[in-house]
PDB file of all heavy atoms in Angstrom:
ATOM      1  N   HIS A   1     -10.805  11.315   2.783  1.00  0.00           N
ATOM      2  CA  HIS A   1     -11.569  10.875   1.609  1.00  0.00           C
ATOM      3  C   HIS A   1     -12.247   9.533   1.867  1.00  0.00           C
ATOM      4  O   HIS A   1     -12.805   8.936   0.941  1.00  0.00           O
ATOM      5  CB  HIS A   1     -10.647  10.741   0.393  1.00  0.00           C
ATOM      6  CG  HIS A   1     -10.113  12.053  -0.098  1.00  0.00           C
ATOM      7  ND1 HIS A   1     -10.701  12.772  -1.120  1.00  0.00           N
ATOM      8  CD2 HIS A   1      -9.042  12.780   0.314  1.00  0.00           C
ATOM      9  CE1 HIS A   1     -10.005  13.888  -1.330  1.00  0.00           C
ATOM     10  NE2 HIS A   1      -8.994  13.911  -0.475  1.00  0.00           N
ATOM     11  N   GLY A   2     -12.155   9.028   3.080  1.00  0.00           N
ATOM     12  CA  GLY A   2     -12.740   7.733   3.387  1.00  0.00           C
ATOM     13  C   GLY A   2     -11.687   6.743   3.842  1.00  0.00           C
ATOM     14  O   GLY A   2     -10.513   7.079   4.018  1.00  0.00           O
ATOM     15  N   THR A   3     -12.118   5.495   4.016  1.00  0.00           N
ATOM     16  CA  THR A   3     -11.234   4.430   4.493  1.00  0.00           C
ATOM     17  C   THR A   3     -10.898   3.478   3.352  1.00  0.00           C
ATOM     18  O   THR A   3     -11.773   3.087   2.572  1.00  0.00           O
ATOM     19  CB  THR A   3     -11.900   3.653   5.640  1.00  0.00           C
ATOM     20  OG1 THR A   3     -12.221   4.558   6.692  1.00  0.00           O
ATOM     21  CG2 THR A   3     -10.973   2.575   6.174  1.00  0.00           C
ATOM     22  N   PHE A   4      -9.630   3.080   3.273  1.00  0.00           N
ATOM     23  CA  PHE A   4      -9.156   2.190   2.222  1.00  0.00           C
ATOM     24  C   PHE A   4      -8.458   0.995   2.876  1.00  0.00           C
ATOM     25  O   PHE A   4      -7.710   1.153   3.838  1.00  0.00           O
ATOM     26  CB  PHE A   4      -8.189   2.913   1.283  1.00  0.00           C
ATOM     27  CG  PHE A   4      -8.776   4.135   0.640  1.00  0.00           C
ATOM     28  CD1 PHE A   4      -8.742   5.365   1.306  1.00  0.00           C
ATOM     29  CD2 PHE A   4      -9.379   4.067  -0.609  1.00  0.00           C
ATOM     30  CE1 PHE A   4      -9.284   6.497   0.724  1.00  0.00           C
ATOM     31  CE2 PHE A   4      -9.919   5.201  -1.193  1.00  0.00           C
ATOM     32  CZ  PHE A   4      -9.883   6.419  -0.532  1.00  0.00           C
ATOM     33  N   SER A   5      -8.701  -0.190   2.339  1.00  0.00           N
ATOM     34  CA  SER A   5      -8.126  -1.417   2.883  1.00  0.00           C
ATOM     35  C   SER A   5      -7.284  -2.125   1.837  1.00  0.00           C
ATOM     36  O   SER A   5      -7.656  -2.186   0.660  1.00  0.00           O
ATOM     37  CB  SER A   5      -9.234  -2.356   3.383  1.00  0.00           C
ATOM     38  OG  SER A   5      -9.973  -1.746   4.420  1.00  0.00           O
ATOM     39  N   TYR A   6      -6.148  -2.673   2.285  1.00  0.00           N
ATOM     40  CA  TYR A   6      -5.217  -3.335   1.371  1.00  0.00           C
ATOM     41  C   TYR A   6      -4.700  -4.622   2.014  1.00  0.00           C
ATOM     42  O   TYR A   6      -4.680  -4.760   3.234  1.00  0.00           O
ATOM     43  CB  TYR A   6      -4.005  -2.438   1.075  1.00  0.00           C
ATOM     44  CG  TYR A   6      -4.346  -1.064   0.561  1.00  0.00           C
ATOM     45  CD1 TYR A   6      -4.557  -0.011   1.439  1.00  0.00           C
ATOM     46  CD2 TYR A   6      -4.441  -0.811  -0.804  1.00  0.00           C
ATOM     47  CE1 TYR A   6      -4.850   1.260   0.976  1.00  0.00           C
ATOM     48  CE2 TYR A   6      -4.744   0.454  -1.287  1.00  0.00           C
ATOM     49  CZ  TYR A   6      -4.942   1.487  -0.384  1.00  0.00           C
ATOM     50  OH  TYR A   6      -5.238   2.745  -0.850  1.00  0.00           O
ATOM     51  N   HIS A   7      -4.265  -5.530   1.151  1.00  0.00           N
ATOM     52  CA  HIS A   7      -3.547  -6.706   1.644  1.00  0.00           C
ATOM     53  C   HIS A   7      -2.087  -6.577   1.231  1.00  0.00           C
ATOM     54  O   HIS A   7      -1.734  -6.683   0.058  1.00  0.00           O
ATOM     55  CB  HIS A   7      -4.108  -8.013   1.084  1.00  0.00           C
ATOM     56  CG  HIS A   7      -3.294  -9.202   1.522  1.00  0.00           C
ATOM     57  ND1 HIS A   7      -3.352  -9.697   2.802  1.00  0.00           N
ATOM     58  CD2 HIS A   7      -2.373  -9.951   0.865  1.00  0.00           C
ATOM     59  CE1 HIS A   7      -2.514 -10.708   2.915  1.00  0.00           C
ATOM     60  NE2 HIS A   7      -1.906 -10.884   1.751  1.00  0.00           N
ATOM     61  N   LEU A   8      -1.243  -6.328   2.215  1.00  0.00           N
ATOM     62  CA  LEU A   8       0.193  -6.276   2.013  1.00  0.00           C
ATOM     63  C   LEU A   8       0.787  -7.472   2.761  1.00  0.00           C
ATOM     64  O   LEU A   8       0.499  -7.670   3.939  1.00  0.00           O
ATOM     65  CB  LEU A   8       0.759  -4.967   2.582  1.00  0.00           C
ATOM     66  CG  LEU A   8       2.192  -4.591   2.195  1.00  0.00           C
ATOM     67  CD1 LEU A   8       2.296  -4.346   0.697  1.00  0.00           C
ATOM     68  CD2 LEU A   8       2.623  -3.340   2.962  1.00  0.00           C
ATOM     69  N   ASP A   9       1.554  -8.281   2.057  1.00  0.00           N
ATOM     70  CA  ASP A   9       2.075  -9.500   2.676  1.00  0.00           C
ATOM     71  C   ASP A   9       2.872  -9.174   3.935  1.00  0.00           C
ATOM     72  O   ASP A   9       3.776  -8.326   3.914  1.00  0.00           O
ATOM     73  CB  ASP A   9       2.967 -10.250   1.685  1.00  0.00           C
ATOM     74  CG  ASP A   9       3.457 -11.572   2.266  1.00  0.00           C
ATOM     75  OD1 ASP A   9       2.745 -12.565   2.121  1.00  0.00           O
ATOM     76  OD2 ASP A   9       4.537 -11.574   2.889  1.00  0.00           O
ATOM     77  N   ASN A  10       2.535  -9.828   5.025  1.00  0.00           N
ATOM     78  CA  ASN A  10       3.216  -9.571   6.295  1.00  0.00           C
ATOM     79  C   ASN A  10       3.836 -10.839   6.881  1.00  0.00           C
ATOM     80  O   ASN A  10       3.986 -10.970   8.090  1.00  0.00           O
ATOM     81  CB  ASN A  10       2.245  -8.941   7.299  1.00  0.00           C
ATOM     82  CG  ASN A  10       1.071  -9.848   7.638  1.00  0.00           C
ATOM     83  OD1 ASN A  10       0.832 -10.835   6.950  1.00  0.00           O
ATOM     84  ND2 ASN A  10       0.341  -9.508   8.679  1.00  0.00           N
ATOM     85  N   THR A  11       4.214 -11.746   5.978  1.00  0.00           N
ATOM     86  CA  THR A  11       4.893 -12.967   6.425  1.00  0.00           C
ATOM     87  C   THR A  11       6.410 -12.793   6.458  1.00  0.00           C
ATOM     88  O   THR A  11       7.117 -13.605   7.055  1.00  0.00           O
ATOM     89  CB  THR A  11       4.566 -14.136   5.496  1.00  0.00           C
ATOM     90  OG1 THR A  11       5.111 -13.869   4.183  1.00  0.00           O
ATOM     91  CG2 THR A  11       3.061 -14.346   5.387  1.00  0.00           C
ATOM     92  N   GLY A  12       6.909 -11.757   5.774  1.00  0.00           N
ATOM     93  CA  GLY A  12       8.347 -11.578   5.646  1.00  0.00           C
ATOM     94  C   GLY A  12       8.951 -12.391   4.530  1.00  0.00           C
ATOM     95  O   GLY A  12      10.149 -12.283   4.252  1.00  0.00           O
ATOM     96  N   ASP A  13       8.127 -13.207   3.842  1.00  0.00           N
ATOM     97  CA  ASP A  13       8.635 -14.065   2.768  1.00  0.00           C
ATOM     98  C   ASP A  13       8.629 -13.365   1.409  1.00  0.00           C
ATOM     99  O   ASP A  13       9.391 -13.734   0.519  1.00  0.00           O
ATOM    100  CB  ASP A  13       7.789 -15.339   2.669  1.00  0.00           C
ATOM    101  CG  ASP A  13       7.877 -16.173   3.941  1.00  0.00           C
ATOM    102  OD1 ASP A  13       8.951 -16.150   4.574  1.00  0.00           O
ATOM    103  OD2 ASP A  13       6.888 -16.833   4.289  1.00  0.00           O
ATOM    104  N   LEU A  14       7.756 -12.368   1.247  1.00  0.00           N
ATOM    105  CA  LEU A  14       7.672 -11.629  -0.010  1.00  0.00           C
ATOM    106  C   LEU A  14       8.234 -10.228   0.167  1.00  0.00           C
ATOM    107  O   LEU A  14       8.073  -9.607   1.216  1.00  0.00           O
ATOM    108  CB  LEU A  14       6.221 -11.540  -0.491  1.00  0.00           C
ATOM    109  CG  LEU A  14       5.503 -12.845  -0.809  1.00  0.00           C
ATOM    110  CD1 LEU A  14       4.105 -12.560  -1.329  1.00  0.00           C
ATOM    111  CD2 LEU A  14       6.287 -13.655  -1.841  1.00  0.00           C
ATOM    112  N   GLU A  15       8.868  -9.724  -0.879  1.00  0.00           N
ATOM    113  CA  GLU A  15       9.399  -8.367  -0.868  1.00  0.00           C
ATOM    114  C   GLU A  15       8.268  -7.428  -1.275  1.00  0.00           C
ATOM    115  O   GLU A  15       7.649  -7.606  -2.321  1.00  0.00           O
ATOM    116  CB  GLU A  15      10.566  -8.268  -1.842  1.00  0.00           C
ATOM    117  CG  GLU A  15      11.480  -7.084  -1.595  1.00  0.00           C
ATOM    118  CD  GLU A  15      10.938  -5.805  -2.181  1.00  0.00           C
ATOM    119  OE1 GLU A  15      10.393  -5.854  -3.294  1.00  0.00           O
ATOM    120  OE2 GLU A  15      11.054  -4.750  -1.533  1.00  0.00           O
ATOM    121  N   VAL A  16       7.975  -6.419  -0.453  1.00  0.00           N
ATOM    122  CA  VAL A  16       6.748  -5.628  -0.651  1.00  0.00           C
ATOM    123  C   VAL A  16       7.010  -4.139  -0.839  1.00  0.00           C
ATOM    124  O   VAL A  16       6.087  -3.338  -0.743  1.00  0.00           O
ATOM    125  CB  VAL A  16       5.777  -5.831   0.534  1.00  0.00           C
ATOM    126  CG1 VAL A  16       5.386  -7.294   0.681  1.00  0.00           C
ATOM    127  CG2 VAL A  16       6.371  -5.301   1.842  1.00  0.00           C
ATOM    128  N   SER A  17       8.237  -3.729  -1.124  1.00  0.00           N
ATOM    129  CA  SER A  17       8.504  -2.296  -1.238  1.00  0.00           C
ATOM    130  C   SER A  17       7.720  -1.666  -2.385  1.00  0.00           C
ATOM    131  O   SER A  17       7.174  -0.568  -2.243  1.00  0.00           O
ATOM    132  CB  SER A  17      10.003  -2.040  -1.416  1.00  0.00           C
ATOM    133  OG  SER A  17      10.504  -2.713  -2.549  1.00  0.00           O
ATOM    134  N   GLY A  18       7.648  -2.360  -3.541  1.00  0.00           N
ATOM    135  CA  GLY A  18       6.883  -1.826  -4.667  1.00  0.00           C
ATOM    136  C   GLY A  18       5.406  -1.727  -4.351  1.00  0.00           C
ATOM    137  O   GLY A  18       4.732  -0.753  -4.708  1.00  0.00           O
ATOM    138  N   ALA A  19       4.889  -2.753  -3.664  1.00  0.00           N
ATOM    139  CA  ALA A  19       3.478  -2.744  -3.295  1.00  0.00           C
ATOM    140  C   ALA A  19       3.188  -1.638  -2.279  1.00  0.00           C
ATOM    141  O   ALA A  19       2.169  -0.940  -2.375  1.00  0.00           O
ATOM    142  CB  ALA A  19       3.093  -4.110  -2.728  1.00  0.00           C
ATOM    143  N   LEU A  20       4.080  -1.466  -1.302  1.00  0.00           N
ATOM    144  CA  LEU A  20       3.884  -0.409  -0.312  1.00  0.00           C
ATOM    145  C   LEU A  20       3.974   0.961  -0.970  1.00  0.00           C
ATOM    146  O   LEU A  20       3.193   1.873  -0.643  1.00  0.00           O
ATOM    147  CB  LEU A  20       4.925  -0.539   0.790  1.00  0.00           C
ATOM    148  CG  LEU A  20       4.835   0.487   1.928  1.00  0.00           C
ATOM    149  CD1 LEU A  20       3.486   0.421   2.613  1.00  0.00           C
ATOM    150  CD2 LEU A  20       5.960   0.281   2.933  1.00  0.00           C
ATOM    151  N   GLN A  21       4.895   1.125  -1.912  1.00  0.00           N
ATOM    152  CA  GLN A  21       5.010   2.397  -2.623  1.00  0.00           C
ATOM    153  C   GLN A  21       3.731   2.699  -3.396  1.00  0.00           C
ATOM    154  O   GLN A  21       3.281   3.857  -3.470  1.00  0.00           O
ATOM    155  CB  GLN A  21       6.209   2.357  -3.578  1.00  0.00           C
ATOM    156  CG  GLN A  21       6.490   3.688  -4.261  1.00  0.00           C
ATOM    157  CD  GLN A  21       6.955   4.750  -3.289  1.00  0.00           C
ATOM    158  OE1 GLN A  21       8.047   4.666  -2.729  1.00  0.00           O
ATOM    159  NE2 GLN A  21       6.125   5.757  -3.079  1.00  0.00           N
ATOM    160  N   THR A  22       3.117   1.668  -3.958  1.00  0.00           N
ATOM    161  CA  THR A  22       1.855   1.847  -4.680  1.00  0.00           C
ATOM    162  C   THR A  22       0.762   2.361  -3.744  1.00  0.00           C
ATOM    163  O   THR A  22      -0.028   3.239  -4.105  1.00  0.00           O
ATOM    164  CB  THR A  22       1.420   0.524  -5.319  1.00  0.00           C
ATOM    165  OG1 THR A  22       2.401   0.124  -6.282  1.00  0.00           O
ATOM    166  CG2 THR A  22       0.071   0.659  -6.012  1.00  0.00           C
ATOM    167  N   ILE A  23       0.706   1.811  -2.535  1.00  0.00           N
ATOM    168  CA  ILE A  23      -0.279   2.279  -1.551  1.00  0.00           C
ATOM    169  C   ILE A  23      -0.049   3.754  -1.239  1.00  0.00           C
ATOM    170  O   ILE A  23      -0.979   4.579  -1.266  1.00  0.00           O
ATOM    171  CB  ILE A  23      -0.202   1.437  -0.267  1.00  0.00           C
ATOM    172  CG1 ILE A  23      -0.656   0.006  -0.540  1.00  0.00           C
ATOM    173  CG2 ILE A  23      -1.048   2.062   0.836  1.00  0.00           C
ATOM    174  CD1 ILE A  23      -0.498  -0.913   0.658  1.00  0.00           C
ATOM    175  N   PHE A  24       1.189   4.104  -0.933  1.00  0.00           N
ATOM    176  CA  PHE A  24       1.497   5.492  -0.598  1.00  0.00           C
ATOM    177  C   PHE A  24       1.204   6.426  -1.778  1.00  0.00           C
ATOM    178  O   PHE A  24       0.687   7.536  -1.586  1.00  0.00           O
ATOM    179  CB  PHE A  24       2.956   5.629  -0.173  1.00  0.00           C
ATOM    180  CG  PHE A  24       3.256   5.064   1.188  1.00  0.00           C
ATOM    181  CD1 PHE A  24       4.441   4.401   1.445  1.00  0.00           C
ATOM    182  CD2 PHE A  24       2.342   5.194   2.222  1.00  0.00           C
ATOM    183  CE1 PHE A  24       4.721   3.892   2.699  1.00  0.00           C
ATOM    184  CE2 PHE A  24       2.604   4.677   3.490  1.00  0.00           C
ATOM    185  CZ  PHE A  24       3.808   4.038   3.724  1.00  0.00           C
ATOM    186  N   ASN A  25       1.531   5.989  -3.001  1.00  0.00           N
ATOM    187  CA  ASN A  25       1.271   6.825  -4.177  1.00  0.00           C
ATOM    188  C   ASN A  25      -0.218   7.046  -4.382  1.00  0.00           C
ATOM    189  O   ASN A  25      -0.666   8.151  -4.712  1.00  0.00           O
ATOM    190  CB  ASN A  25       1.869   6.176  -5.430  1.00  0.00           C
ATOM    191  CG  ASN A  25       3.391   6.205  -5.431  1.00  0.00           C
ATOM    192  OD1 ASN A  25       4.004   6.897  -4.623  1.00  0.00           O
ATOM    193  ND2 ASN A  25       3.994   5.448  -6.325  1.00  0.00           N
ATOM    194  N   GLU A  26      -1.000   5.983  -4.200  1.00  0.00           N
ATOM    195  CA  GLU A  26      -2.447   6.094  -4.385  1.00  0.00           C
ATOM    196  C   GLU A  26      -3.054   7.062  -3.375  1.00  0.00           C
ATOM    197  O   GLU A  26      -3.888   7.900  -3.719  1.00  0.00           O
ATOM    198  CB  GLU A  26      -3.095   4.716  -4.247  1.00  0.00           C
ATOM    199  CG  GLU A  26      -4.609   4.730  -4.414  1.00  0.00           C
ATOM    200  CD  GLU A  26      -5.213   3.344  -4.279  1.00  0.00           C
ATOM    201  OE1 GLU A  26      -4.930   2.501  -5.152  1.00  0.00           O
ATOM    202  OE2 GLU A  26      -5.946   3.112  -3.302  1.00  0.00           O
ATOM    203  N   LEU A  27      -2.611   6.957  -2.129  1.00  0.00           N
ATOM    204  CA  LEU A  27      -3.142   7.850  -1.090  1.00  0.00           C
ATOM    205  C   LEU A  27      -2.656   9.278  -1.287  1.00  0.00           C
ATOM    206  O   LEU A  27      -3.419  10.237  -1.106  1.00  0.00           O
ATOM    207  CB  LEU A  27      -2.739   7.333   0.287  1.00  0.00           C
ATOM    208  CG  LEU A  27      -3.309   5.970   0.682  1.00  0.00           C
ATOM    209  CD1 LEU A  27      -2.691   5.493   1.994  1.00  0.00           C
ATOM    210  CD2 LEU A  27      -4.827   6.017   0.795  1.00  0.00           C
ATOM    211  N   SER A  28      -1.416   9.443  -1.666  1.00  0.00           N
ATOM    212  CA  SER A  28      -0.859  10.785  -1.865  1.00  0.00           C
ATOM    213  C   SER A  28      -1.528  11.521  -3.013  1.00  0.00           C
ATOM    214  O   SER A  28      -1.545  12.762  -3.039  1.00  0.00           O
ATOM    215  CB  SER A  28       0.650  10.698  -2.125  1.00  0.00           C
ATOM    216  OG  SER A  28       1.314  10.117  -1.026  1.00  0.00           O
ATOM    217  N   ALA A  29      -2.074  10.770  -3.964  1.00  0.00           N
ATOM    218  CA  ALA A  29      -2.732  11.380  -5.127  1.00  0.00           C
ATOM    219  C   ALA A  29      -4.092  11.975  -4.787  1.00  0.00           C
ATOM    220  O   ALA A  29      -4.646  12.747  -5.570  1.00  0.00           O
ATOM    221  CB  ALA A  29      -2.880  10.346  -6.235  1.00  0.00           C
ATOM    222  N   LEU A  30      -4.643  11.632  -3.624  1.00  0.00           N
ATOM    223  CA  LEU A  30      -5.924  12.198  -3.209  1.00  0.00           C
ATOM    224  C   LEU A  30      -5.740  13.676  -2.880  1.00  0.00           C
ATOM    225  O   LEU A  30      -4.751  14.073  -2.269  1.00  0.00           O
ATOM    226  CB  LEU A  30      -6.471  11.453  -1.995  1.00  0.00           C
ATOM    227  CG  LEU A  30      -6.731   9.955  -2.179  1.00  0.00           C
ATOM    228  CD1 LEU A  30      -7.089   9.309  -0.848  1.00  0.00           C
ATOM    229  CD2 LEU A  30      -7.845   9.740  -3.203  1.00  0.00           C
ATOM    230  N   LYS A  31      -6.711  14.486  -3.250  1.00  0.00           N
ATOM    231  CA  LYS A  31      -6.590  15.936  -3.089  1.00  0.00           C
ATOM    232  C   LYS A  31      -6.521  16.312  -1.610  1.00  0.00           C
ATOM    233  O   LYS A  31      -7.349  15.894  -0.809  1.00  0.00           O
ATOM    234  CB  LYS A  31      -7.769  16.639  -3.763  1.00  0.00           C
ATOM    235  CG  LYS A  31      -7.672  18.161  -3.718  1.00  0.00           C
ATOM    236  CD  LYS A  31      -8.838  18.809  -4.436  1.00  0.00           C
ATOM    237  CE  LYS A  31      -8.735  20.326  -4.371  1.00  0.00           C
ATOM    238  NZ  LYS A  31      -9.873  20.994  -5.054  1.00  0.00           N
TER     239      LYS A  31
END
């Protein structure tokens, strides 16, 4: 469906499981 870009914190200082789950959910919702 195209290319999508995101900023997910990669410093290790922030907890990103919810944000990563949001990315996966958004992509999985594509037909």
